[in-house]
Amino acid sequence: MNAQNDNRTPKGLRAWWASPARSGLRRIIAPWEYRHLRTWARARIAVGNLLALCGLVTLSIGSTGWNRYGLAALFLVAAAAQFSFAYWELTIARSASPQT
């Protein structure tokens, strides 16, 4: 665009969203979350533990019938999703080059 000033920082929402250099599926992670991956992964692990606990409590205390199993399955599937996303974020954080 401007040959004299190639080092301009891009402005606007699109430039903000693409601020950290990411490739592939890493782009679906929000930039503010991408900057602190380990913290967010720990939070997801804590939420996953809470959801798994809710699923186990629902199985042990809930009423008889399929309602109990459906609600427990919902909690346990959500916990598994949280754990898998946290694992993915930790994998990305480990593979990132060290910042200087």
PDB file of N, CA and C in Angstrom:
ATOM      1  N   MET A   1       0.821  -1.179   0.000  1.00  0.00           N
ATOM      2  CA  MET A   1       0.000   0.000   0.000  1.00  0.00           C
ATOM      3  C   MET A   1       0.870   1.249   0.000  1.00  0.00           C
ATOM      4  N   ASN A   2       1.464   1.571   1.118  1.00  0.00           N
ATOM      5  CA  ASN A   2       2.343   2.711   1.189  1.00  0.00           C
ATOM      6  C   ASN A   2       3.768   2.193   1.241  1.00  0.00           C
ATOM      7  N   ALA A   3       4.503   2.356   0.152  1.00  0.00           N
ATOM      8  CA  ALA A   3       5.840   1.770   0.051  1.00  0.00           C
ATOM      9  C   ALA A   3       6.818   2.430   1.012  1.00  0.00           C
ATOM     10  N   GLN A   4       6.539   3.660   1.425  1.00  0.00           N
ATOM     11  CA  GLN A   4       7.461   4.348   2.311  1.00  0.00           C
ATOM     12  C   GLN A   4       7.282   3.921   3.775  1.00  0.00           C
ATOM     13  N   ASN A   5       6.129   3.434   4.109  1.00  0.00           N
ATOM     14  CA  ASN A   5       5.858   3.105   5.504  1.00  0.00           C
ATOM     15  C   ASN A   5       5.294   1.690   5.592  1.00  0.00           C
ATOM     16  N   ASP A   6       6.155   0.675   5.447  1.00  0.00           N
ATOM     17  CA  ASP A   6       5.709  -0.713   5.468  1.00  0.00           C
ATOM     18  C   ASP A   6       5.569  -1.271   6.877  1.00  0.00           C
ATOM     19  N   ASN A   7       6.089  -0.583   7.877  1.00  0.00           N
ATOM     20  CA  ASN A   7       6.082  -1.105   9.236  1.00  0.00           C
ATOM     21  C   ASN A   7       4.926  -0.563  10.080  1.00  0.00           C
ATOM     22  N   ARG A   8       3.897  -0.119   9.436  1.00  0.00           N
ATOM     23  CA  ARG A   8       2.737   0.376  10.187  1.00  0.00           C
ATOM     24  C   ARG A   8       2.080  -0.771  10.934  1.00  0.00           C
ATOM     25  N   THR A   9       1.582  -0.485  12.111  1.00  0.00           N
ATOM     26  CA  THR A   9       0.809  -1.495  12.827  1.00  0.00           C
ATOM     27  C   THR A   9      -0.624  -1.425  12.332  1.00  0.00           C
ATOM     28  N   PRO A  10      -1.211  -2.554  11.980  1.00  0.00           N
ATOM     29  CA  PRO A  10      -2.567  -2.552  11.471  1.00  0.00           C
ATOM     30  C   PRO A  10      -3.564  -2.185  12.572  1.00  0.00           C
ATOM     31  N   LYS A  11      -4.619  -1.502  12.187  1.00  0.00           N
ATOM     32  CA  LYS A  11      -5.626  -1.079  13.147  1.00  0.00           C
ATOM     33  C   LYS A  11      -6.973  -1.660  12.763  1.00  0.00           C
ATOM     34  N   GLY A  12      -7.845  -1.692  13.700  1.00  0.00           N
ATOM     35  CA  GLY A  12      -9.179  -2.207  13.448  1.00  0.00           C
ATOM     36  C   GLY A  12      -9.377  -3.580  14.063  1.00  0.00           C
ATOM     37  N   LEU A  13     -10.611  -4.043  14.026  1.00  0.00           N
ATOM     38  CA  LEU A  13     -10.965  -5.309  14.644  1.00  0.00           C
ATOM     39  C   LEU A  13     -10.255  -6.486  13.986  1.00  0.00           C
ATOM     40  N   ARG A  14     -10.163  -6.491  12.693  1.00  0.00           N
ATOM     41  CA  ARG A  14      -9.519  -7.608  12.000  1.00  0.00           C
ATOM     42  C   ARG A  14      -8.054  -7.731  12.386  1.00  0.00           C
ATOM     43  N   ALA A  15      -7.355  -6.632  12.487  1.00  0.00           N
ATOM     44  CA  ALA A  15      -5.946  -6.658  12.867  1.00  0.00           C
ATOM     45  C   ALA A  15      -5.788  -7.052  14.329  1.00  0.00           C
ATOM     46  N   TRP A  16      -6.708  -6.597  15.175  1.00  0.00           N
ATOM     47  CA  TRP A  16      -6.640  -6.968  16.591  1.00  0.00           C
ATOM     48  C   TRP A  16      -6.836  -8.461  16.759  1.00  0.00           C
ATOM     49  N   TRP A  17      -7.771  -9.029  16.002  1.00  0.00           N
ATOM     50  CA  TRP A  17      -8.064 -10.450  16.130  1.00  0.00           C
ATOM     51  C   TRP A  17      -6.874 -11.301  15.691  1.00  0.00           C
ATOM     52  N   ALA A  18      -6.142 -10.825  14.733  1.00  0.00           N
ATOM     53  CA  ALA A  18      -5.010 -11.590  14.202  1.00  0.00           C
ATOM     54  C   ALA A  18      -3.694 -11.168  14.846  1.00  0.00           C
ATOM     55  N   SER A  19      -3.744 -10.443  15.951  1.00  0.00           N
ATOM     56  CA  SER A  19      -2.527  -9.880  16.534  1.00  0.00           C
ATOM     57  C   SER A  19      -1.452 -10.911  16.845  1.00  0.00           C
ATOM     58  N   PRO A  20      -1.705 -11.984  17.614  1.00  0.00           N
ATOM     59  CA  PRO A  20      -0.623 -12.948  17.770  1.00  0.00           C
ATOM     60  C   PRO A  20      -0.509 -13.814  16.515  1.00  0.00           C
ATOM     61  N   ALA A  21       0.690 -14.093  16.109  1.00  0.00           N
ATOM     62  CA  ALA A  21       0.886 -14.913  14.911  1.00  0.00           C
ATOM     63  C   ALA A  21       0.478 -16.345  15.213  1.00  0.00           C
ATOM     64  N   ARG A  22      -0.585 -16.809  14.566  1.00  0.00           N
ATOM     65  CA  ARG A  22      -1.095 -18.157  14.798  1.00  0.00           C
ATOM     66  C   ARG A  22      -1.407 -18.778  13.448  1.00  0.00           C
ATOM     67  N   SER A  23      -1.433 -20.104  13.446  1.00  0.00           N
ATOM     68  CA  SER A  23      -1.739 -20.800  12.206  1.00  0.00           C
ATOM     69  C   SER A  23      -2.765 -21.880  12.448  1.00  0.00           C
ATOM     70  N   GLY A  24      -3.469 -22.243  11.415  1.00  0.00           N
ATOM     71  CA  GLY A  24      -4.402 -23.362  11.465  1.00  0.00           C
ATOM     72  C   GLY A  24      -5.517 -23.194  12.469  1.00  0.00           C
ATOM     73  N   LEU A  25      -5.782 -24.265  13.214  1.00  0.00           N
ATOM     74  CA  LEU A  25      -6.879 -24.263  14.172  1.00  0.00           C
ATOM     75  C   LEU A  25      -6.620 -23.380  15.381  1.00  0.00           C
ATOM     76  N   ARG A  26      -5.397 -22.936  15.562  1.00  0.00           N
ATOM     77  CA  ARG A  26      -5.097 -22.048  16.680  1.00  0.00           C
ATOM     78  C   ARG A  26      -5.820 -20.722  16.555  1.00  0.00           C
ATOM     79  N   ARG A  27      -6.256 -20.386  15.350  1.00  0.00           N
ATOM     80  CA  ARG A  27      -6.950 -19.121  15.141  1.00  0.00           C
ATOM     81  C   ARG A  27      -8.339 -19.091  15.743  1.00  0.00           C
ATOM     82  N   ILE A  28      -8.895 -20.242  16.109  1.00  0.00           N
ATOM     83  CA  ILE A  28     -10.231 -20.227  16.710  1.00  0.00           C
ATOM     84  C   ILE A  28     -10.174 -19.836  18.188  1.00  0.00           C
ATOM     85  N   ILE A  29      -8.986 -19.798  18.763  1.00  0.00           N
ATOM     86  CA  ILE A  29      -8.832 -19.349  20.144  1.00  0.00           C
ATOM     87  C   ILE A  29      -8.770 -17.829  20.141  1.00  0.00           C
ATOM     88  N   ALA A  30      -9.551 -17.208  21.012  1.00  0.00           N
ATOM     89  CA  ALA A  30      -9.573 -15.749  21.092  1.00  0.00           C
ATOM     90  C   ALA A  30      -8.187 -15.221  21.466  1.00  0.00           C
ATOM     91  N   PRO A  31      -7.804 -14.052  20.945  1.00  0.00           N
ATOM     92  CA  PRO A  31      -6.464 -13.530  21.217  1.00  0.00           C
ATOM     93  C   PRO A  31      -6.181 -13.313  22.698  1.00  0.00           C
ATOM     94  N   TRP A  32      -7.136 -12.810  23.447  1.00  0.00           N
ATOM     95  CA  TRP A  32      -6.915 -12.582  24.874  1.00  0.00           C
ATOM     96  C   TRP A  32      -6.758 -13.897  25.615  1.00  0.00           C
ATOM     97  N   GLU A  33      -7.347 -14.966  25.093  1.00  0.00           N
ATOM     98  CA  GLU A  33      -7.156 -16.284  25.694  1.00  0.00           C
ATOM     99  C   GLU A  33      -5.842 -16.899  25.223  1.00  0.00           C
ATOM    100  N   TYR A  34      -5.463 -16.634  23.978  1.00  0.00           N
ATOM    101  CA  TYR A  34      -4.238 -17.199  23.415  1.00  0.00           C
ATOM    102  C   TYR A  34      -3.005 -16.660  24.130  1.00  0.00           C
ATOM    103  N   ARG A  35      -3.082 -15.435  24.618  1.00  0.00           N
ATOM    104  CA  ARG A  35      -1.938 -14.840  25.291  1.00  0.00           C
ATOM    105  C   ARG A  35      -1.663 -15.463  26.651  1.00  0.00           C
ATOM    106  N   HIS A  36      -2.660 -16.121  27.239  1.00  0.00           N
ATOM    107  CA  HIS A  36      -2.516 -16.733  28.561  1.00  0.00           C
ATOM    108  C   HIS A  36      -3.047 -18.161  28.526  1.00  0.00           C
ATOM    109  N   LEU A  37      -2.486 -18.981  27.669  1.00  0.00           N
ATOM    110  CA  LEU A  37      -3.010 -20.331  27.452  1.00  0.00           C
ATOM    111  C   LEU A  37      -2.949 -21.202  28.695  1.00  0.00           C
ATOM    112  N   ARG A  38      -1.856 -21.168  29.409  1.00  0.00           N
ATOM    113  CA  ARG A  38      -1.730 -22.046  30.587  1.00  0.00           C
ATOM    114  C   ARG A  38      -2.746 -21.688  31.665  1.00  0.00           C
ATOM    115  N   THR A  39      -2.990 -20.406  31.862  1.00  0.00           N
ATOM    116  CA  THR A  39      -3.982 -19.974  32.854  1.00  0.00           C
ATOM    117  C   THR A  39      -5.372 -20.447  32.468  1.00  0.00           C
ATOM    118  N   TRP A  40      -5.720 -20.285  31.208  1.00  0.00           N
ATOM    119  CA  TRP A  40      -7.041 -20.714  30.744  1.00  0.00           C
ATOM    120  C   TRP A  40      -7.176 -22.228  30.771  1.00  0.00           C
ATOM    121  N   ALA A  41      -6.086 -22.936  30.491  1.00  0.00           N
ATOM    122  CA  ALA A  41      -6.141 -24.398  30.554  1.00  0.00           C
ATOM    123  C   ALA A  41      -6.359 -24.862  31.987  1.00  0.00           C
ATOM    124  N   ARG A  42      -5.704 -24.210  32.938  1.00  0.00           N
ATOM    125  CA  ARG A  42      -5.932 -24.559  34.346  1.00  0.00           C
ATOM    126  C   ARG A  42      -7.367 -24.277  34.759  1.00  0.00           C
ATOM    127  N   ALA A  43      -7.919 -23.168  34.286  1.00  0.00           N
ATOM    128  CA  ALA A  43      -9.317 -22.856  34.597  1.00  0.00           C
ATOM    129  C   ALA A  43     -10.253 -23.905  33.987  1.00  0.00           C
ATOM    130  N   ARG A  44      -9.961 -24.346  32.764  1.00  0.00           N
ATOM    131  CA  ARG A  44     -10.785 -25.381  32.134  1.00  0.00           C
ATOM    132  C   ARG A  44     -10.687 -26.714  32.880  1.00  0.00           C
ATOM    133  N   ILE A  45      -9.504 -27.028  33.398  1.00  0.00           N
ATOM    134  CA  ILE A  45      -9.353 -28.258  34.172  1.00  0.00           C
ATOM    135  C   ILE A  45     -10.172 -28.171  35.455  1.00  0.00           C
ATOM    136  N   ALA A  46     -10.167 -27.008  36.099  1.00  0.00           N
ATOM    137  CA  ALA A  46     -10.964 -26.829  37.317  1.00  0.00           C
ATOM    138  C   ALA A  46     -12.456 -26.963  37.020  1.00  0.00           C
ATOM    139  N   VAL A  47     -12.902 -26.359  35.922  1.00  0.00           N
ATOM    140  CA  VAL A  47     -14.316 -26.470  35.538  1.00  0.00           C
ATOM    141  C   VAL A  47     -14.650 -27.914  35.164  1.00  0.00           C
ATOM    142  N   GLY A  48     -13.739 -28.594  34.489  1.00  0.00           N
ATOM    143  CA  GLY A  48     -13.951 -29.997  34.142  1.00  0.00           C
ATOM    144  C   GLY A  48     -14.086 -30.871  35.380  1.00  0.00           C
ATOM    145  N   ASN A  49     -13.258 -30.603  36.390  1.00  0.00           N
ATOM    146  CA  ASN A  49     -13.378 -31.342  37.644  1.00  0.00           C
ATOM    147  C   ASN A  49     -14.721 -31.089  38.312  1.00  0.00           C
ATOM    148  N   LEU A  50     -15.164 -29.844  38.302  1.00  0.00           N
ATOM    149  CA  LEU A  50     -16.460 -29.506  38.890  1.00  0.00           C
ATOM    150  C   LEU A  50     -17.600 -30.192  38.137  1.00  0.00           C
ATOM    151  N   LEU A  51     -17.534 -30.200  36.819  1.00  0.00           N
ATOM    152  CA  LEU A  51     -18.574 -30.865  36.021  1.00  0.00           C
ATOM    153  C   LEU A  51     -18.571 -32.373  36.231  1.00  0.00           C
ATOM    154  N   ALA A  52     -17.396 -32.963  36.337  1.00  0.00           N
ATOM    155  CA  ALA A  52     -17.321 -34.407  36.600  1.00  0.00           C
ATOM    156  C   ALA A  52     -17.891 -34.733  37.974  1.00  0.00           C
ATOM    157  N   LEU A  53     -17.607 -33.881  38.948  1.00  0.00           N
ATOM    158  CA  LEU A  53     -18.165 -34.075  40.285  1.00  0.00           C
ATOM    159  C   LEU A  53     -19.689 -33.969  40.255  1.00  0.00           C
ATOM    160  N   CYS A  54     -20.204 -32.981  39.514  1.00  0.00           N
ATOM    161  CA  CYS A  54     -21.664 -32.839  39.386  1.00  0.00           C
ATOM    162  C   CYS A  54     -22.270 -34.076  38.721  1.00  0.00           C
ATOM    163  N   GLY A  55     -21.596 -34.625  37.734  1.00  0.00           N
ATOM    164  CA  GLY A  55     -22.086 -35.836  37.079  1.00  0.00           C
ATOM    165  C   GLY A  55     -22.114 -37.023  38.020  1.00  0.00           C
ATOM    166  N   LEU A  56     -21.076 -37.168  38.819  1.00  0.00           N
ATOM    167  CA  LEU A  56     -21.035 -38.280  39.768  1.00  0.00           C
ATOM    168  C   LEU A  56     -22.065 -38.117  40.883  1.00  0.00           C
ATOM    169  N   VAL A  57     -22.255 -36.891  41.355  1.00  0.00           N
ATOM    170  CA  VAL A  57     -23.269 -36.644  42.380  1.00  0.00           C
ATOM    171  C   VAL A  57     -24.658 -36.900  41.808  1.00  0.00           C
ATOM    172  N   THR A  58     -24.892 -36.504  40.577  1.00  0.00           N
ATOM    173  CA  THR A  58     -26.190 -36.747  39.942  1.00  0.00           C
ATOM    174  C   THR A  58     -26.459 -38.244  39.822  1.00  0.00           C
ATOM    175  N   LEU A  59     -25.434 -39.002  39.497  1.00  0.00           N
ATOM    176  CA  LEU A  59     -25.614 -40.451  39.396  1.00  0.00           C
ATOM    177  C   LEU A  59     -25.894 -41.089  40.756  1.00  0.00           C
ATOM    178  N   SER A  60     -25.255 -40.575  41.788  1.00  0.00           N
ATOM    179  CA  SER A  60     -25.396 -41.230  43.093  1.00  0.00           C
ATOM    180  C   SER A  60     -26.632 -40.780  43.863  1.00  0.00           C
ATOM    181  N   ILE A  61     -27.067 -39.553  43.700  1.00  0.00           N
ATOM    182  CA  ILE A  61     -28.164 -39.023  44.509  1.00  0.00           C
ATOM    183  C   ILE A  61     -29.458 -38.868  43.715  1.00  0.00           C
ATOM    184  N   GLY A  62     -29.367 -38.723  42.439  1.00  0.00           N
ATOM    185  CA  GLY A  62     -30.538 -38.409  41.630  1.00  0.00           C
ATOM    186  C   GLY A  62     -31.656 -39.433  41.732  1.00  0.00           C
ATOM    187  N   SER A  63     -32.802 -39.050  41.224  1.00  0.00           N
ATOM    188  CA  SER A  63     -33.959 -39.947  41.247  1.00  0.00           C
ATOM    189  C   SER A  63     -33.731 -41.118  40.294  1.00  0.00           C
ATOM    190  N   THR A  64     -34.565 -42.122  40.424  1.00  0.00           N
ATOM    191  CA  THR A  64     -34.429 -43.270  39.530  1.00  0.00           C
ATOM    192  C   THR A  64     -35.049 -42.918  38.183  1.00  0.00           C
ATOM    193  N   GLY A  65     -34.544 -43.535  37.164  1.00  0.00           N
ATOM    194  CA  GLY A  65     -35.083 -43.307  35.823  1.00  0.00           C
ATOM    195  C   GLY A  65     -34.032 -42.766  34.884  1.00  0.00           C
ATOM    196  N   TRP A  66     -34.453 -42.547  33.645  1.00  0.00           N
ATOM    197  CA  TRP A  66     -33.524 -42.113  32.598  1.00  0.00           C
ATOM    198  C   TRP A  66     -33.157 -40.644  32.719  1.00  0.00           C
ATOM    199  N   ASN A  67     -33.958 -39.875  33.479  1.00  0.00           N
ATOM    200  CA  ASN A  67     -33.618 -38.457  33.668  1.00  0.00           C
ATOM    201  C   ASN A  67     -32.258 -38.316  34.337  1.00  0.00           C
ATOM    202  N   ARG A  68     -32.023 -39.163  35.323  1.00  0.00           N
ATOM    203  CA  ARG A  68     -30.764 -39.116  36.055  1.00  0.00           C
ATOM    204  C   ARG A  68     -29.604 -39.434  35.127  1.00  0.00           C
ATOM    205  N   TYR A  69     -29.730 -40.458  34.321  1.00  0.00           N
ATOM    206  CA  TYR A  69     -28.638 -40.847  33.433  1.00  0.00           C
ATOM    207  C   TYR A  69     -28.386 -39.804  32.344  1.00  0.00           C
ATOM    208  N   GLY A  70     -29.448 -39.211  31.843  1.00  0.00           N
ATOM    209  CA  GLY A  70     -29.288 -38.171  30.826  1.00  0.00           C
ATOM    210  C   GLY A  70     -28.585 -36.942  31.362  1.00  0.00           C
ATOM    211  N   LEU A  71     -28.987 -36.495  32.559  1.00  0.00           N
ATOM    212  CA  LEU A  71     -28.355 -35.328  33.159  1.00  0.00           C
ATOM    213  C   LEU A  71     -26.902 -35.627  33.538  1.00  0.00           C
ATOM    214  N   ALA A  72     -26.649 -36.802  34.063  1.00  0.00           N
ATOM    215  CA  ALA A  72     -25.275 -37.184  34.402  1.00  0.00           C
ATOM    216  C   ALA A  72     -24.418 -37.273  33.145  1.00  0.00           C
ATOM    217  N   ALA A  73     -24.981 -37.819  32.077  1.00  0.00           N
ATOM    218  CA  ALA A  73     -24.234 -37.903  30.814  1.00  0.00           C
ATOM    219  C   ALA A  73     -23.922 -36.506  30.282  1.00  0.00           C
ATOM    220  N   LEU A  74     -24.867 -35.581  30.433  1.00  0.00           N
ATOM    221  CA  LEU A  74     -24.634 -34.206  29.994  1.00  0.00           C
ATOM    222  C   LEU A  74     -23.462 -33.588  30.756  1.00  0.00           C
ATOM    223  N   PHE A  75     -23.450 -33.757  32.066  1.00  0.00           N
ATOM    224  CA  PHE A  75     -22.341 -33.240  32.873  1.00  0.00           C
ATOM    225  C   PHE A  75     -21.014 -33.895  32.491  1.00  0.00           C
ATOM    226  N   LEU A  76     -21.026 -35.197  32.306  1.00  0.00           N
ATOM    227  CA  LEU A  76     -19.774 -35.905  32.016  1.00  0.00           C
ATOM    228  C   LEU A  76     -19.245 -35.604  30.618  1.00  0.00           C
ATOM    229  N   VAL A  77     -20.129 -35.420  29.659  1.00  0.00           N
ATOM    230  CA  VAL A  77     -19.691 -35.047  28.304  1.00  0.00           C
ATOM    231  C   VAL A  77     -19.115 -33.633  28.311  1.00  0.00           C
ATOM    232  N   ALA A  78     -19.747 -32.729  29.042  1.00  0.00           N
ATOM    233  CA  ALA A  78     -19.213 -31.366  29.151  1.00  0.00           C
ATOM    234  C   ALA A  78     -17.847 -31.378  29.843  1.00  0.00           C
ATOM    235  N   ALA A  79     -17.689 -32.232  30.849  1.00  0.00           N
ATOM    236  CA  ALA A  79     -16.391 -32.344  31.527  1.00  0.00           C
ATOM    237  C   ALA A  79     -15.325 -32.878  30.572  1.00  0.00           C
ATOM    238  N   ALA A  80     -15.681 -33.880  29.787  1.00  0.00           N
ATOM    239  CA  ALA A  80     -14.724 -34.427  28.820  1.00  0.00           C
ATOM    240  C   ALA A  80     -14.330 -33.375  27.786  1.00  0.00           C
ATOM    241  N   ALA A  81     -15.282 -32.547  27.362  1.00  0.00           N
ATOM    242  CA  ALA A  81     -14.973 -31.481  26.407  1.00  0.00           C
ATOM    243  C   ALA A  81     -14.019 -30.465  27.029  1.00  0.00           C
ATOM    244  N   GLN A  82     -14.242 -30.112  28.279  1.00  0.00           N
ATOM    245  CA  GLN A  82     -13.357 -29.167  28.960  1.00  0.00           C
ATOM    246  C   GLN A  82     -11.944 -29.742  29.096  1.00  0.00           C
ATOM    247  N   PHE A  83     -11.850 -31.010  29.475  1.00  0.00           N
ATOM    248  CA  PHE A  83     -10.542 -31.643  29.621  1.00  0.00           C
ATOM    249  C   PHE A  83      -9.803 -31.719  28.290  1.00  0.00           C
ATOM    250  N   SER A  84     -10.510 -32.063  27.227  1.00  0.00           N
ATOM    251  CA  SER A  84      -9.842 -32.188  25.933  1.00  0.00           C
ATOM    252  C   SER A  84      -9.390 -30.829  25.413  1.00  0.00           C
ATOM    253  N   PHE A  85     -10.191 -29.791  25.608  1.00  0.00           N
ATOM    254  CA  PHE A  85      -9.785 -28.459  25.151  1.00  0.00           C
ATOM    255  C   PHE A  85      -8.601 -27.955  25.975  1.00  0.00           C
ATOM    256  N   ALA A  86      -8.607 -28.235  27.284  1.00  0.00           N
ATOM    257  CA  ALA A  86      -7.487 -27.837  28.129  1.00  0.00           C
ATOM    258  C   ALA A  86      -6.208 -28.556  27.706  1.00  0.00           C
ATOM    259  N   TYR A  87      -6.327 -29.836  27.379  1.00  0.00           N
ATOM    260  CA  TYR A  87      -5.159 -30.584  26.909  1.00  0.00           C
ATOM    261  C   TYR A  87      -4.619 -29.985  25.615  1.00  0.00           C
ATOM    262  N   TRP A  88      -5.517 -29.616  24.715  1.00  0.00           N
ATOM    263  CA  TRP A  88      -5.105 -29.011  23.448  1.00  0.00           C
ATOM    264  C   TRP A  88      -4.390 -27.685  23.698  1.00  0.00           C
ATOM    265  N   GLU A  89      -4.939 -26.863  24.611  1.00  0.00           N
ATOM    266  CA  GLU A  89      -4.294 -25.585  24.908  1.00  0.00           C
ATOM    267  C   GLU A  89      -2.917 -25.787  25.547  1.00  0.00           C
ATOM    268  N   LEU A  90      -2.799 -26.753  26.431  1.00  0.00           N
ATOM    269  CA  LEU A  90      -1.489 -27.022  27.034  1.00  0.00           C
ATOM    270  C   LEU A  90      -0.493 -27.532  26.006  1.00  0.00           C
ATOM    271  N   THR A  91      -0.958 -28.306  25.041  1.00  0.00           N
ATOM    272  CA  THR A  91      -0.082 -28.772  23.962  1.00  0.00           C
ATOM    273  C   THR A  91       0.420 -27.604  23.124  1.00  0.00           C
ATOM    274  N   ILE A  92      -0.467 -26.664  22.838  1.00  0.00           N
ATOM    275  CA  ILE A  92      -0.070 -25.469  22.077  1.00  0.00           C
ATOM    276  C   ILE A  92       0.920 -24.649  22.891  1.00  0.00           C
ATOM    277  N   ALA A  93       0.656 -24.493  24.174  1.00  0.00           N
ATOM    278  CA  ALA A  93       1.549 -23.697  25.022  1.00  0.00           C
ATOM    279  C   ALA A  93       2.930 -24.328  25.115  1.00  0.00           C
ATOM    280  N   ARG A  94       2.999 -25.650  25.169  1.00  0.00           N
ATOM    281  CA  ARG A  94       4.293 -26.324  25.231  1.00  0.00           C
ATOM    282  C   ARG A  94       5.051 -26.204  23.918  1.00  0.00           C
ATOM    283  N   SER A  95       4.348 -26.204  22.802  1.00  0.00           N
ATOM    284  CA  SER A  95       5.022 -26.188  21.512  1.00  0.00           C
ATOM    285  C   SER A  95       5.400 -24.771  21.064  1.00  0.00           C
ATOM    286  N   ALA A  96       4.908 -23.770  21.757  1.00  0.00           N
ATOM    287  CA  ALA A  96       5.211 -22.384  21.363  1.00  0.00           C
ATOM    288  C   ALA A  96       6.668 -22.076  21.640  1.00  0.00           C
ATOM    289  N   SER A  97       7.235 -21.250  20.786  1.00  0.00           N
ATOM    290  CA  SER A  97       8.636 -20.863  20.990  1.00  0.00           C
ATOM    291  C   SER A  97       8.716 -19.924  22.185  1.00  0.00           C
ATOM    292  N   PRO A  98       9.807 -19.973  22.934  1.00  0.00           N
ATOM    293  CA  PRO A  98       9.946 -19.074  24.102  1.00  0.00           C
ATOM    294  C   PRO A  98      10.022 -17.625  23.673  1.00  0.00           C
ATOM    295  N   GLN A  99       9.350 -16.778  24.429  1.00  0.00           N
ATOM    296  CA  GLN A  99       9.360 -15.357  24.119  1.00  0.00           C
ATOM    297  C   GLN A  99      10.550 -14.702  24.762  1.00  0.00           C
ATOM    298  N   THR A 100      11.143 -13.762  24.063  1.00  0.00           N
ATOM    299  CA  THR A 100      12.312 -13.064  24.603  1.00  0.00           C
ATOM    300  C   THR A 100      11.976 -11.642  24.908  1.00  0.00           C
TER     301      THR A 100
END
